[in-house]
């Protein structure tokens, strides 16, 4: 913390700053665009649009104190961040054509200080500039003093946190330049995130979790499970070496169709590029002769487009995607069978076969059965899966169990109570590398702490 930051915080702490309450309000109930996984929370931007509402000091006489640094205050404040997210997503409100309704802010406007003492600037512009700095200083002090860590140890003693990642790439690579940033970590940032996880959680492997669900053998306090989705090749090239450096196990939820893909670029990644271009969703629907109704959500529309394109023959699908002039890739994007067999610390499990939302498929059971057969062929864990795109209903849960998947993960950003028995809908928290978790120097541990520590428990 710089001397300027310290002096700024001291000046404010001598006033009634600490007696002020804060409150955040999502400006809309929009759902994110999971670029091919809308239900799994991919957005057209990086930070939720939040409107701030003025409220009065916490008491009439403006009493002083350090209320802002108590675990209760920090918990209430930190909960504003995940509460502003839709199922773990991060992005501004989007209009029907996918264009953000608001420009993303350089600093996430977590909360609004609603009143300043006479000794501080009171004009609107000065307050907007000063508030993020004050919050950043308070958050940094709370983390470095150990207060956030203490709150985490007390609050999350009997919980399992499942972390969700997708891609890990070098920041100076061509692949990183073209990747969907919401779901891509730099290799350096991923390493910093793993250091944070290793410090604050007891990381377990999939076998330990299976033993717990089968016989209630018990999990360590503040248990953590690291997971990846889809089957990107960079998981083996860049994520695995970082895991090995720290001796941390992980799970890869593999969409088994990628194993035998003939094209270097995964067709769903190309479709993401097309759909996320402003106005293109409606154009794609028109070209596919898909009829939509005004009441349909964007997620539902993307599910239908994905299922339609996924149902084409390989040659027809490739021709369709190329007609939209998608960017070429520099090499194979997805893992091969041989690479899947040599992932060492990473255990492979299911993520559907086609990676099309199971609720949008005409025969989801066939997709699940195909996935399980291929998982067995490559020596993977064939009784565990996560639902593609996080899209699930009761019928899909029944079919997954019928296909042989006895442990199923969702994409709900919740903590799991380890004192309660569960084998399905195990929540996972997507971690982005953006203004919610990082700063100019990389991952910001204080931001990451407030992002993760105060998530709700599964109902």
Protein backbone atom coordinates (compact mmCIF):
# COMPACT_ATOMS: atom_id res chain seq x y z
CA UNK A 1 0.00 0.00 0.00
CA UNK A 2 1.43 3.39 -0.95
CA UNK A 3 1.91 6.19 1.61
CA UNK A 4 -0.72 8.16 -0.30
CA UNK A 5 -3.23 5.32 0.14
CA UNK A 6 -2.49 5.14 3.88
CA UNK A 7 -2.86 8.87 4.38
CA UNK A 8 -6.10 8.87 2.37
CA UNK A 9 -7.53 6.07 4.51
CA UNK A 10 -6.49 7.73 7.77
CA UNK A 11 -8.07 11.00 6.74
CA UNK A 12 -11.34 9.27 6.04
CA UNK A 13 -11.25 6.97 9.08
CA UNK A 14 -11.13 10.02 11.35
CA UNK A 15 -14.52 11.09 10.00
CA UNK A 16 -17.87 9.36 9.99
CA UNK A 17 -16.90 7.18 6.98
CA UNK A 18 -17.06 4.02 9.04
CA UNK A 19 -20.58 4.76 10.23
CA UNK A 20 -21.93 4.78 6.70
CA UNK A 21 -23.76 1.83 5.24
CA UNK A 22 -23.27 0.67 1.68
CA UNK A 23 -25.64 -0.98 -0.69
CA UNK A 24 -25.51 -2.22 -4.26
CA UNK A 25 -28.34 -2.99 -6.61
CA UNK A 26 -28.14 -4.86 -9.92
CA UNK A 27 -29.63 -2.52 -12.49
CA UNK A 28 -31.41 -5.32 -14.29
CA UNK A 29 -32.16 -9.00 -14.08
CA UNK A 30 -30.41 -9.83 -17.32
CA UNK A 31 -28.84 -13.17 -17.96
CA UNK A 32 -25.36 -13.61 -19.34
CA UNK A 33 -24.32 -14.98 -22.66
CA UNK A 34 -22.39 -18.17 -22.19
CA UNK A 35 -20.84 -18.01 -25.56
CA UNK A 36 -22.05 -21.43 -26.33
CA UNK A 37 -22.77 -21.87 -22.80
CA UNK A 38 -25.29 -19.24 -21.91
CA UNK A 39 -26.53 -21.16 -18.92
CA UNK A 40 -22.97 -21.43 -17.73
CA UNK A 41 -22.65 -17.68 -17.70
CA UNK A 42 -20.63 -16.27 -20.56
CA UNK A 43 -21.26 -12.61 -20.98
CA UNK A 44 -20.74 -9.99 -23.67
CA UNK A 45 -18.74 -7.98 -21.15
CA UNK A 46 -16.82 -8.29 -17.95
CA UNK A 47 -18.59 -6.49 -15.13
CA UNK A 48 -22.20 -6.32 -14.01
CA UNK A 49 -24.06 -3.10 -14.49
CA UNK A 50 -24.82 -1.79 -11.03
CA UNK A 51 -26.85 1.20 -9.98
CA UNK A 52 -26.13 2.78 -6.61
CA UNK A 53 -28.81 4.15 -4.32
CA UNK A 54 -28.27 6.91 -1.75
CA UNK A 55 -29.02 6.01 1.85
CA UNK A 56 -28.46 7.76 5.16
CA UNK A 57 -25.73 7.23 7.81
CA UNK A 58 -26.24 4.25 10.08
CA UNK A 59 -27.31 6.43 13.02
CA UNK A 60 -28.56 9.91 13.65
CA UNK A 61 -25.53 11.30 15.46
CA UNK A 62 -23.02 9.96 12.93
CA UNK A 63 -21.04 8.04 15.54
CA UNK A 64 -17.51 7.00 14.74
CA UNK A 65 -16.04 3.51 14.80
CA UNK A 66 -14.38 0.83 12.69
CA UNK A 67 -17.59 -0.89 11.68
CA UNK A 68 -16.38 -1.05 8.09
CA UNK A 69 -13.59 -3.46 9.03
CA UNK A 70 -15.64 -5.95 11.02
CA UNK A 71 -16.25 -9.42 9.51
CA UNK A 72 -19.99 -8.72 9.45
CA UNK A 73 -19.55 -5.54 7.43
CA UNK A 74 -17.10 -7.24 5.07
CA UNK A 75 -19.45 -10.15 4.56
CA UNK A 76 -22.37 -7.85 3.74
CA UNK A 77 -20.20 -5.83 1.39
CA UNK A 78 -18.66 -8.82 -0.34
CA UNK A 79 -22.02 -10.45 -0.85
CA UNK A 80 -23.00 -7.53 -3.06
CA UNK A 81 -20.51 -8.71 -5.68
CA UNK A 82 -21.78 -12.29 -6.21
CA UNK A 83 -25.37 -11.13 -5.74
CA UNK A 84 -24.91 -8.82 -8.73
CA UNK A 85 -23.94 -11.77 -10.87
CA UNK A 86 -26.24 -14.11 -12.73
CA UNK A 87 -25.29 -17.71 -11.94
CA UNK A 88 -21.64 -16.79 -11.67
CA UNK A 89 -21.47 -14.61 -14.80
CA UNK A 90 -19.92 -11.21 -15.09
CA UNK A 91 -21.04 -8.62 -17.58
CA UNK A 92 -23.07 -5.53 -18.21
CA UNK A 93 -26.73 -5.65 -19.03
CA UNK A 94 -27.13 -6.58 -22.68
CA UNK A 95 -29.80 -5.66 -25.15
CA UNK A 96 -31.53 -8.13 -27.43
CA UNK A 97 -28.77 -7.83 -30.04
CA UNK A 98 -26.01 -8.52 -27.57
CA UNK A 99 -24.70 -4.94 -27.31
CA UNK A 100 -23.93 -3.92 -23.72
CA UNK A 101 -26.39 -1.36 -22.38
CA UNK A 102 -23.60 0.25 -20.37
CA UNK A 103 -19.88 0.54 -20.86
CA UNK A 104 -17.91 -1.65 -18.42
CA UNK A 105 -16.28 0.35 -15.66
CA UNK A 106 -12.52 0.29 -15.17
CA UNK A 107 -13.14 -0.33 -11.47
CA UNK A 108 -16.14 -2.39 -10.36
CA UNK A 109 -18.52 -0.04 -8.55
CA UNK A 110 -19.06 -2.46 -5.65
CA UNK A 111 -20.94 -0.02 -3.48
CA UNK A 112 -21.75 3.65 -3.10
CA UNK A 113 -20.62 5.81 -0.21
CA UNK A 114 -23.67 7.92 0.21
CA UNK A 115 -22.39 10.90 2.19
CA UNK A 116 -19.07 12.60 2.77
CA UNK A 117 -18.04 14.81 5.70
CA UNK A 118 -17.61 18.55 5.09
CA UNK A 119 -13.82 18.23 5.08
CA UNK A 120 -13.90 16.14 1.87
CA UNK A 121 -14.95 17.17 -1.66
CA UNK A 122 -18.70 16.86 -2.08
CA UNK A 123 -19.15 17.38 -5.81
CA UNK A 124 -20.31 14.35 -7.77
CA UNK A 125 -17.15 13.91 -9.85
CA UNK A 126 -14.83 13.99 -6.83
CA UNK A 127 -16.91 11.44 -4.99
CA UNK A 128 -16.90 9.07 -7.95
CA UNK A 129 -13.13 9.30 -8.18
CA UNK A 130 -12.47 8.94 -4.47
CA UNK A 131 -14.86 6.12 -3.63
CA UNK A 132 -13.08 3.31 -5.52
CA UNK A 133 -9.75 4.28 -3.94
CA UNK A 134 -11.23 4.25 -0.44
CA UNK A 135 -12.84 0.88 -0.98
CA UNK A 136 -9.64 -0.53 -2.45
CA UNK A 137 -7.61 0.67 0.55
CA UNK A 138 -10.15 -0.71 3.05
CA UNK A 139 -10.26 -4.05 1.25
CA UNK A 140 -6.46 -4.28 1.10
CA UNK A 141 -6.14 -3.50 4.82
CA UNK A 142 -8.79 -6.08 5.69
CA UNK A 143 -6.97 -8.75 3.68
CA UNK A 144 -3.40 -7.94 4.72
CA UNK A 145 -4.37 -7.69 8.36
CA UNK A 146 -5.79 -11.22 8.18
CA UNK A 147 -9.34 -10.11 8.90
CA UNK A 148 -10.76 -11.49 5.65
CA UNK A 149 -8.86 -14.73 6.16
CA UNK A 150 -10.27 -15.04 9.68
CA UNK A 151 -13.80 -14.47 8.41
CA UNK A 152 -13.23 -17.18 5.79
CA UNK A 153 -11.89 -19.69 8.33
CA UNK A 154 -14.86 -19.16 10.60
CA UNK A 155 -17.61 -18.89 8.00
CA UNK A 156 -16.49 -21.60 5.57
CA UNK A 157 -15.10 -24.23 7.92
CA UNK A 158 -17.53 -26.95 6.81
CA UNK A 159 -17.73 -26.15 3.11
CA UNK A 160 -16.46 -27.33 -0.25
CA UNK A 161 -15.64 -24.68 -2.85
CA UNK A 162 -15.38 -25.92 -6.44
CA UNK A 163 -13.42 -23.58 -8.71
CA UNK A 164 -14.22 -23.47 -12.42
CA UNK A 165 -11.69 -22.57 -15.13
CA UNK A 166 -11.72 -22.90 -18.91
CA UNK A 167 -8.65 -21.66 -20.77
CA UNK A 168 -5.09 -20.76 -19.69
CA UNK A 169 -2.82 -19.07 -22.25
CA UNK A 170 0.38 -16.99 -22.39
CA UNK A 171 -0.54 -13.32 -22.57
CA UNK A 172 1.74 -12.73 -25.57
CA UNK A 173 0.29 -15.55 -27.70
CA UNK A 174 -1.92 -15.21 -30.77
CA UNK A 175 -4.40 -17.62 -29.18
CA UNK A 176 -4.82 -15.31 -26.19
CA UNK A 177 -5.52 -12.36 -28.48
CA UNK A 178 -8.39 -14.28 -30.11
CA UNK A 179 -9.73 -16.05 -27.01
CA UNK A 180 -12.90 -15.10 -25.17
CA UNK A 181 -11.45 -13.07 -22.29
CA UNK A 182 -14.21 -13.79 -19.80
CA UNK A 183 -13.17 -17.44 -19.82
CA UNK A 184 -9.43 -17.11 -20.34
CA UNK A 185 -6.69 -16.74 -17.74
CA UNK A 186 -3.16 -15.63 -18.50
CA UNK A 187 -0.66 -18.26 -17.42
CA UNK A 188 0.86 -15.85 -14.89
CA UNK A 189 -2.55 -14.91 -13.49
CA UNK A 190 -3.54 -18.57 -13.23
CA UNK A 191 -0.41 -19.30 -11.22
CA UNK A 192 -1.22 -16.41 -8.87
CA UNK A 193 -4.76 -17.72 -8.49
CA UNK A 194 -3.45 -21.19 -7.61
CA UNK A 195 -1.17 -19.66 -4.96
CA UNK A 196 -4.20 -17.98 -3.41
CA UNK A 197 -6.21 -21.21 -3.48
CA UNK A 198 -3.35 -23.19 -1.93
CA UNK A 199 -3.05 -20.61 0.88
CA UNK A 200 -6.71 -20.44 1.84
CA UNK A 201 -8.11 -23.89 0.91
CA UNK A 202 -7.27 -27.54 1.41
CA UNK A 203 -7.32 -28.82 -2.16
CA UNK A 204 -8.67 -32.33 -2.62
CA UNK A 205 -8.82 -34.69 -5.59
CA UNK A 206 -11.85 -36.34 -7.15
CA UNK A 207 -11.27 -39.67 -5.40
CA UNK A 208 -11.39 -37.96 -1.99
CA UNK A 209 -14.67 -36.30 -2.93
CA UNK A 210 -16.17 -39.57 -4.19
CA UNK A 211 -15.21 -41.33 -0.96
CA UNK A 212 -16.91 -38.57 1.02
CA UNK A 213 -20.16 -38.77 -0.94
CA UNK A 214 -20.23 -42.56 -0.79
CA UNK A 215 -19.34 -43.14 2.87
CA UNK A 216 -19.26 -39.69 4.49
CA UNK A 217 -15.55 -40.20 5.16
CA UNK A 218 -15.14 -36.52 5.82
CA UNK A 219 -13.42 -33.64 4.05
CA UNK A 220 -10.86 -31.20 5.43
CA UNK A 221 -11.95 -27.76 6.58
CA UNK A 222 -12.35 -25.27 3.74
CA UNK A 223 -12.03 -28.00 1.11
CA UNK A 224 -11.41 -26.91 -2.48
CA UNK A 225 -11.67 -28.69 -5.83
CA UNK A 226 -10.10 -27.27 -9.01
CA UNK A 227 -11.96 -28.00 -12.26
CA UNK A 228 -11.66 -27.20 -15.96
CA UNK A 229 -14.31 -27.39 -18.65
CA UNK A 230 -14.57 -28.58 -22.24
CA UNK A 231 -11.17 -30.10 -23.08
CA UNK A 232 -9.01 -27.26 -24.35
CA UNK A 233 -5.49 -28.27 -25.33
CA UNK A 234 -4.01 -25.37 -23.38
CA UNK A 235 -5.16 -27.16 -20.21
CA UNK A 236 -2.35 -29.66 -20.86
CA UNK A 237 0.13 -27.15 -22.29
CA UNK A 238 -0.11 -24.35 -19.72
CA UNK A 239 -2.45 -25.16 -16.82
CA UNK A 240 -0.98 -28.58 -16.02
CA UNK A 241 2.61 -27.30 -15.55
CA UNK A 242 1.35 -24.69 -13.07
CA UNK A 243 -0.54 -27.39 -11.17
CA UNK A 244 2.57 -29.60 -11.11
CA UNK A 245 4.69 -26.79 -9.66
CA UNK A 246 2.38 -26.68 -6.67
CA UNK A 247 1.40 -30.35 -6.49
CA UNK A 248 -2.29 -29.56 -6.89
CA UNK A 249 -4.78 -32.07 -8.36
CA UNK A 250 -7.66 -31.06 -10.62
CA UNK A 251 -10.59 -32.39 -12.66
CA UNK A 252 -11.26 -31.86 -16.37
CA UNK A 253 -14.88 -32.12 -17.50
CA UNK A 254 -14.43 -33.27 -21.09
CA UNK A 255 -16.87 -32.87 -23.97
CA UNK A 256 -15.91 -36.17 -25.60
CA UNK A 257 -16.73 -35.16 -29.19
CA UNK A 258 -13.56 -33.02 -29.26
CA UNK A 259 -11.38 -36.14 -29.09
CA UNK A 260 -12.04 -37.04 -32.72
CA UNK A 261 -12.52 -33.52 -34.12
CA UNK A 262 -11.15 -33.23 -37.67
CA UNK A 263 -10.75 -29.45 -37.71
CA UNK A 264 -8.19 -27.55 -35.68
CA UNK A 265 -10.73 -25.02 -34.45
CA UNK A 266 -13.55 -26.27 -32.26
CA UNK A 267 -16.82 -25.50 -34.00
CA UNK A 268 -18.40 -24.13 -30.84
CA UNK A 269 -15.58 -21.63 -30.38
CA UNK A 270 -16.17 -20.41 -33.94
CA UNK A 271 -19.90 -20.14 -33.27
CA UNK A 272 -19.14 -18.08 -30.15
CA UNK A 273 -17.19 -15.62 -32.26
CA UNK A 274 -20.14 -15.26 -34.62
CA UNK A 275 -22.87 -14.91 -31.98
CA UNK A 276 -21.00 -12.41 -29.82
CA UNK A 277 -20.66 -9.97 -32.70
CA UNK A 278 -23.36 -7.29 -32.17
CA UNK A 279 -26.58 -8.07 -34.02
CA UNK A 280 -25.41 -11.44 -35.30
CA UNK A 281 -27.65 -13.68 -33.21
CA UNK A 282 -30.77 -12.57 -35.09
CA UNK A 283 -28.95 -12.94 -38.41
CA UNK A 284 -27.84 -16.48 -37.55
CA UNK A 285 -31.39 -17.40 -36.53
CA UNK A 286 -32.69 -16.03 -39.83
CA UNK A 287 -30.13 -17.96 -41.86
CA UNK A 288 -31.11 -21.16 -40.03
CA UNK A 289 -34.85 -20.45 -40.45
CA UNK A 290 -35.36 -20.41 -36.70
CA UNK A 291 -38.55 -18.75 -35.54
CA UNK A 292 -38.36 -16.88 -32.25
CA UNK A 293 -40.91 -15.28 -29.96
CA UNK A 294 -40.53 -12.03 -28.07
CA UNK A 295 -40.84 -13.83 -24.74
CA UNK A 296 -37.80 -16.06 -25.32
CA UNK A 297 -34.63 -15.27 -23.38
CA UNK A 298 -31.33 -14.83 -25.14
CA UNK A 299 -30.04 -17.98 -23.45
CA UNK A 300 -32.90 -20.03 -24.89
CA UNK A 301 -32.23 -18.61 -28.34
CA UNK A 302 -28.52 -19.49 -28.12
CA UNK A 303 -29.35 -23.02 -26.94
CA UNK A 304 -31.51 -23.51 -30.01
CA UNK A 305 -28.88 -22.13 -32.40
CA UNK A 306 -26.21 -24.36 -30.85
CA UNK A 307 -28.40 -27.45 -31.15
CA UNK A 308 -29.26 -26.59 -34.76
CA UNK A 309 -25.64 -26.06 -35.84
CA UNK A 310 -24.51 -29.08 -33.82
CA UNK A 311 -27.05 -31.26 -35.63
CA UNK A 312 -25.47 -30.57 -39.03
CA UNK A 313 -23.08 -32.96 -40.69
CA UNK A 314 -19.42 -32.10 -40.13
CA UNK A 315 -18.98 -30.78 -43.68
CA UNK A 316 -22.19 -28.76 -43.63
CA UNK A 317 -21.32 -27.26 -40.26
CA UNK A 318 -17.85 -26.28 -41.40
CA UNK A 319 -19.24 -24.64 -44.53
CA UNK A 320 -21.80 -22.73 -42.47
CA UNK A 321 -19.19 -21.40 -40.05
CA UNK A 322 -16.79 -20.41 -42.81
CA UNK A 323 -19.55 -18.43 -44.50
CA UNK A 324 -19.35 -16.02 -41.55
CA UNK A 325 -15.60 -15.43 -42.10
CA UNK A 326 -14.46 -16.66 -38.70
CA UNK A 327 -10.81 -16.28 -37.79
CA UNK A 328 -8.55 -19.29 -38.38
CA UNK A 329 -6.71 -20.88 -35.47
CA UNK A 330 -2.95 -21.35 -35.21
CA UNK A 331 -3.20 -25.05 -34.36
CA UNK A 332 -5.41 -27.71 -32.84
CA UNK A 333 -7.48 -26.19 -30.02
CA UNK A 334 -8.78 -29.30 -28.30
CA UNK A 335 -7.20 -32.33 -26.65
CA UNK A 336 -6.56 -35.58 -28.50
CA UNK A 337 -7.10 -39.05 -27.08
CA UNK A 338 -3.39 -39.51 -26.41
CA UNK A 339 -3.14 -36.20 -24.58
CA UNK A 340 -6.16 -37.04 -22.42
CA UNK A 341 -4.46 -40.25 -21.31
CA UNK A 342 -1.39 -38.33 -20.08
CA UNK A 343 -2.74 -35.55 -17.92
CA UNK A 344 -1.13 -36.78 -14.69
CA UNK A 345 -2.61 -34.69 -11.87
CA UNK A 346 -5.78 -33.93 -13.84
CA UNK A 347 -8.56 -36.51 -13.59
CA UNK A 348 -10.91 -36.57 -16.59
CA UNK A 349 -14.71 -36.81 -16.20
CA UNK A 350 -17.76 -36.18 -18.39
CA UNK A 351 -19.22 -33.00 -19.86
CA UNK A 352 -21.64 -34.50 -22.35
CA UNK A 353 -20.59 -35.69 -25.79
CA UNK A 354 -21.62 -32.90 -28.16
CA UNK A 355 -21.44 -30.10 -25.56
CA UNK A 356 -24.85 -29.02 -26.76
CA UNK A 357 -27.16 -28.10 -23.84
CA UNK A 358 -28.81 -31.36 -22.83
CA UNK A 359 -32.15 -29.65 -22.33
CA UNK A 360 -32.08 -28.60 -26.01
CA UNK A 361 -31.27 -32.04 -27.46
CA UNK A 362 -34.01 -34.28 -28.89
CA UNK A 363 -32.30 -37.33 -27.31
CA UNK A 364 -30.13 -36.29 -24.36
CA UNK A 365 -29.84 -39.88 -23.12
CA UNK A 366 -28.05 -40.93 -26.31
CA UNK A 367 -25.60 -38.04 -25.89
CA UNK A 368 -24.90 -39.01 -22.28
CA UNK A 369 -24.43 -42.69 -23.15
CA UNK A 370 -22.05 -41.84 -26.00
CA UNK A 371 -20.05 -39.65 -23.64
CA UNK A 372 -19.76 -42.43 -21.07
CA UNK A 373 -18.55 -44.97 -23.65
CA UNK A 374 -15.76 -42.67 -24.83
CA UNK A 375 -14.76 -41.82 -21.27
CA UNK A 376 -14.31 -45.52 -20.56
CA UNK A 377 -12.23 -45.93 -23.74
CA UNK A 378 -9.69 -43.30 -22.62
CA UNK A 379 -9.58 -44.53 -19.01
CA UNK A 380 -11.45 -41.54 -17.56
CA UNK A 381 -13.89 -41.35 -14.66
CA UNK A 382 -17.13 -42.48 -16.29
CA UNK A 383 -19.48 -41.97 -13.34
CA UNK A 384 -18.91 -38.23 -12.80
CA UNK A 385 -19.95 -35.31 -15.02
CA UNK A 386 -20.86 -31.65 -15.13
CA UNK A 387 -23.84 -30.43 -17.13
CA UNK A 388 -22.79 -28.67 -20.37
CA UNK A 389 -23.54 -24.94 -20.20
CA UNK A 390 -24.90 -25.51 -16.71
CA UNK A 391 -28.24 -26.24 -18.39
CA UNK A 392 -30.21 -28.81 -16.44
CA UNK A 393 -33.74 -29.73 -15.41
CA UNK A 394 -35.20 -32.63 -13.49
CA UNK A 395 -35.63 -34.78 -16.61
CA UNK A 396 -31.94 -34.36 -17.49
CA UNK A 397 -30.92 -35.26 -13.92
CA UNK A 398 -32.88 -38.51 -14.17
CA UNK A 399 -31.38 -39.35 -17.56
CA UNK A 400 -27.85 -38.63 -16.35
CA UNK A 401 -28.31 -41.07 -13.51
CA UNK A 402 -29.80 -43.65 -15.88
CA UNK A 403 -26.76 -43.29 -18.15
CA UNK A 404 -24.48 -44.13 -15.22
CA UNK A 405 -23.41 -40.71 -13.92
CA UNK A 406 -23.88 -40.87 -10.17
CA UNK A 407 -22.15 -37.59 -9.29
CA UNK A 408 -23.14 -34.46 -11.23
CA UNK A 409 -21.84 -30.90 -11.00
CA UNK A 410 -23.80 -27.79 -11.89
CA UNK A 411 -22.66 -24.25 -12.61
CA UNK A 412 -24.42 -22.63 -9.66
CA UNK A 413 -21.92 -20.35 -7.87
CA UNK A 414 -22.51 -21.72 -4.36
CA UNK A 415 -20.56 -23.39 -1.57
CA UNK A 416 -21.41 -26.96 -0.61
CA UNK A 417 -22.03 -27.79 3.05
CA UNK A 418 -19.85 -30.83 3.78
CA UNK A 419 -22.09 -31.87 6.68
CA UNK A 420 -24.94 -32.56 4.25
CA UNK A 421 -25.13 -35.50 1.83
CA UNK A 422 -25.28 -34.59 -1.88
CA UNK A 423 -24.31 -36.24 -5.16
CA UNK A 424 -25.98 -33.97 -7.71
CA UNK A 425 -26.03 -30.27 -8.52
CA UNK A 426 -22.66 -29.72 -6.83
CA UNK A 427 -22.09 -26.01 -7.34
CA UNK A 428 -19.04 -24.50 -9.01
CA UNK A 429 -17.74 -20.91 -9.01
CA UNK A 430 -16.39 -19.54 -12.28
CA UNK A 431 -13.32 -17.35 -11.66
CA UNK A 432 -12.55 -14.73 -14.31
CA UNK A 433 -9.38 -12.68 -14.63
CA UNK A 434 -10.92 -9.23 -14.86
CA UNK A 435 -11.64 -6.18 -12.72
CA UNK A 436 -13.52 -8.30 -10.18
CA UNK A 437 -10.42 -10.34 -9.30
CA UNK A 438 -7.38 -8.59 -10.75
CA UNK A 439 -5.56 -5.27 -10.98
CA UNK A 440 -2.68 -3.81 -13.00
CA UNK A 441 -0.18 -6.15 -11.34
CA UNK A 442 -2.22 -9.30 -11.94
CA UNK A 443 -4.53 -11.18 -9.59
CA UNK A 444 -5.49 -8.98 -6.62
CA UNK A 445 -5.68 -11.28 -3.60
CA UNK A 446 -7.94 -8.91 -1.66
CA UNK A 447 -10.42 -8.75 -4.55
CA UNK A 448 -10.28 -12.51 -5.03
CA UNK A 449 -10.95 -13.01 -1.32
CA UNK A 450 -14.14 -10.92 -1.36
CA UNK A 451 -15.13 -12.57 -4.64
CA UNK A 452 -14.93 -16.10 -3.18
CA UNK A 453 -15.22 -16.06 0.61
CA UNK A 454 -18.80 -14.82 1.00
CA UNK A 455 -20.68 -16.91 -1.53
CA UNK A 456 -23.97 -18.42 -0.33
CA UNK A 457 -24.28 -22.07 0.57
CA UNK A 458 -26.34 -24.38 -1.58
CA UNK A 459 -29.92 -24.62 -0.44
